[in-house]
């Protein structure tokens, strides 16, 4: 295999850059943590719904 198989074309590079920017933005705003908290609350509430 050649090294060219590991190179990204311009569209792939742009997509990868956007994904990285999005990850940085969401992490910096605590978005992931708030989703974890929300999911934990939902699971906790769901326990009582089954009783």
N, C-alpha and C. Protein backbone atom coordinates (compact mmCIF):
# COMPACT_ATOMS: atom_id res chain seq x y z
N UNK A 1 0.84 -1.20 0.00
CA UNK A 1 0.00 0.00 0.00
C UNK A 1 0.87 1.24 0.00
N UNK A 2 0.36 2.27 -0.61
CA UNK A 2 1.12 3.50 -0.67
C UNK A 2 0.71 4.42 0.47
N UNK A 3 1.51 5.43 0.73
CA UNK A 3 1.21 6.40 1.77
C UNK A 3 0.02 7.26 1.41
N UNK A 4 -0.30 7.34 0.14
CA UNK A 4 -1.41 8.19 -0.29
C UNK A 4 -2.75 7.71 0.28
N UNK A 5 -2.83 6.43 0.64
CA UNK A 5 -4.07 5.91 1.22
C UNK A 5 -4.36 6.52 2.58
N UNK A 6 -3.33 7.06 3.23
CA UNK A 6 -3.51 7.66 4.55
C UNK A 6 -3.71 9.17 4.48
N UNK A 7 -3.56 9.74 3.31
CA UNK A 7 -3.73 11.18 3.14
C UNK A 7 -5.22 11.50 2.97
N UNK A 8 -5.62 12.67 3.50
CA UNK A 8 -7.00 13.10 3.37
C UNK A 8 -7.15 14.04 2.19
N UNK A 9 -8.24 13.91 1.47
CA UNK A 9 -8.50 14.88 0.42
C UNK A 9 -9.01 16.17 1.07
N UNK A 10 -9.09 17.27 0.32
CA UNK A 10 -9.50 18.55 0.93
C UNK A 10 -10.85 18.50 1.65
N UNK A 11 -11.82 17.78 1.10
CA UNK A 11 -13.12 17.70 1.77
C UNK A 11 -13.01 16.98 3.10
N UNK A 12 -12.25 15.89 3.12
CA UNK A 12 -12.07 15.14 4.36
C UNK A 12 -11.34 15.99 5.40
N UNK A 13 -10.38 16.77 4.95
CA UNK A 13 -9.63 17.64 5.86
C UNK A 13 -10.56 18.68 6.48
N UNK A 14 -11.42 19.28 5.68
CA UNK A 14 -12.38 20.28 6.18
C UNK A 14 -13.33 19.64 7.18
N UNK A 15 -13.84 18.45 6.85
CA UNK A 15 -14.76 17.76 7.76
C UNK A 15 -14.06 17.46 9.07
N UNK A 16 -12.83 16.97 9.01
CA UNK A 16 -12.09 16.64 10.23
C UNK A 16 -11.85 17.89 11.07
N UNK A 17 -11.52 19.00 10.42
CA UNK A 17 -11.32 20.26 11.15
C UNK A 17 -12.60 20.70 11.83
N UNK A 18 -13.73 20.59 11.15
CA UNK A 18 -15.02 20.98 11.73
C UNK A 18 -15.38 20.10 12.93
N UNK A 19 -15.12 18.79 12.79
CA UNK A 19 -15.41 17.87 13.89
C UNK A 19 -14.56 18.24 15.11
N UNK A 20 -13.29 18.51 14.88
CA UNK A 20 -12.41 18.89 15.98
C UNK A 20 -12.86 20.19 16.63
N UNK A 21 -13.24 21.18 15.82
CA UNK A 21 -13.73 22.44 16.37
C UNK A 21 -14.99 22.23 17.20
N UNK A 22 -15.87 21.38 16.72
CA UNK A 22 -17.12 21.11 17.44
C UNK A 22 -16.84 20.45 18.77
N UNK A 23 -15.93 19.49 18.77
CA UNK A 23 -15.58 18.81 20.03
C UNK A 23 -15.02 19.80 21.04
N UNK A 24 -14.12 20.66 20.60
CA UNK A 24 -13.51 21.65 21.49
C UNK A 24 -14.59 22.58 22.04
N UNK A 25 -15.49 23.03 21.17
CA UNK A 25 -16.56 23.94 21.59
C UNK A 25 -17.46 23.29 22.62
N UNK A 26 -17.90 22.06 22.34
CA UNK A 26 -18.83 21.39 23.25
C UNK A 26 -18.18 21.09 24.60
N UNK A 27 -16.93 20.68 24.58
CA UNK A 27 -16.23 20.40 25.84
C UNK A 27 -16.02 21.68 26.64
N UNK A 28 -15.68 22.76 25.97
CA UNK A 28 -15.40 24.01 26.68
C UNK A 28 -16.65 24.59 27.32
N UNK A 29 -17.80 24.24 26.81
CA UNK A 29 -19.05 24.74 27.37
C UNK A 29 -19.69 23.77 28.35
N UNK A 30 -19.00 22.72 28.70
CA UNK A 30 -19.53 21.76 29.65
C UNK A 30 -20.72 20.99 29.12
N UNK A 31 -20.87 20.96 27.82
CA UNK A 31 -22.03 20.29 27.22
C UNK A 31 -22.04 18.81 27.57
N UNK A 32 -20.87 18.16 27.45
CA UNK A 32 -20.81 16.73 27.74
C UNK A 32 -21.17 16.46 29.19
N UNK A 33 -20.70 17.29 30.10
CA UNK A 33 -20.99 17.07 31.52
C UNK A 33 -22.47 17.24 31.79
N UNK A 34 -23.09 18.24 31.17
CA UNK A 34 -24.51 18.46 31.42
C UNK A 34 -25.33 17.29 30.87
N UNK A 35 -24.92 16.71 29.75
CA UNK A 35 -25.62 15.54 29.23
C UNK A 35 -25.47 14.35 30.17
N UNK A 36 -24.27 14.18 30.74
CA UNK A 36 -24.07 13.09 31.69
C UNK A 36 -24.99 13.27 32.89
N UNK A 37 -25.07 14.51 33.40
CA UNK A 37 -25.94 14.78 34.54
C UNK A 37 -27.39 14.52 34.20
N UNK A 38 -27.82 14.96 33.03
CA UNK A 38 -29.19 14.75 32.60
C UNK A 38 -29.51 13.26 32.48
N UNK A 39 -28.60 12.50 31.86
CA UNK A 39 -28.82 11.07 31.69
C UNK A 39 -28.88 10.37 33.05
N UNK A 40 -28.02 10.78 33.98
CA UNK A 40 -28.03 10.18 35.32
C UNK A 40 -29.36 10.47 36.01
N UNK A 41 -29.87 11.69 35.88
CA UNK A 41 -31.16 12.04 36.47
C UNK A 41 -32.29 11.23 35.84
N UNK A 42 -32.25 11.07 34.54
CA UNK A 42 -33.29 10.30 33.85
C UNK A 42 -33.27 8.85 34.33
N UNK A 43 -32.08 8.27 34.42
CA UNK A 43 -31.99 6.88 34.88
C UNK A 43 -32.47 6.75 36.32
N UNK A 44 -32.13 7.74 37.15
CA UNK A 44 -32.56 7.71 38.55
C UNK A 44 -34.08 7.80 38.65
N UNK A 45 -34.67 8.70 37.88
CA UNK A 45 -36.13 8.83 37.88
C UNK A 45 -36.81 7.58 37.34
N UNK A 46 -36.19 6.95 36.35
CA UNK A 46 -36.78 5.77 35.73
C UNK A 46 -36.85 4.60 36.70
N UNK A 47 -35.94 4.55 37.66
CA UNK A 47 -35.97 3.47 38.65
C UNK A 47 -37.31 3.46 39.37
N UNK A 48 -37.79 4.64 39.74
CA UNK A 48 -39.02 4.74 40.52
C UNK A 48 -40.26 4.52 39.66
N UNK A 49 -40.15 4.74 38.35
CA UNK A 49 -41.28 4.52 37.47
C UNK A 49 -41.60 3.04 37.36
N UNK A 50 -40.62 2.18 37.60
CA UNK A 50 -40.81 0.74 37.44
C UNK A 50 -41.39 0.08 38.68
N UNK A 51 -41.45 0.80 39.79
CA UNK A 51 -41.95 0.20 41.04
C UNK A 51 -43.45 0.03 41.01
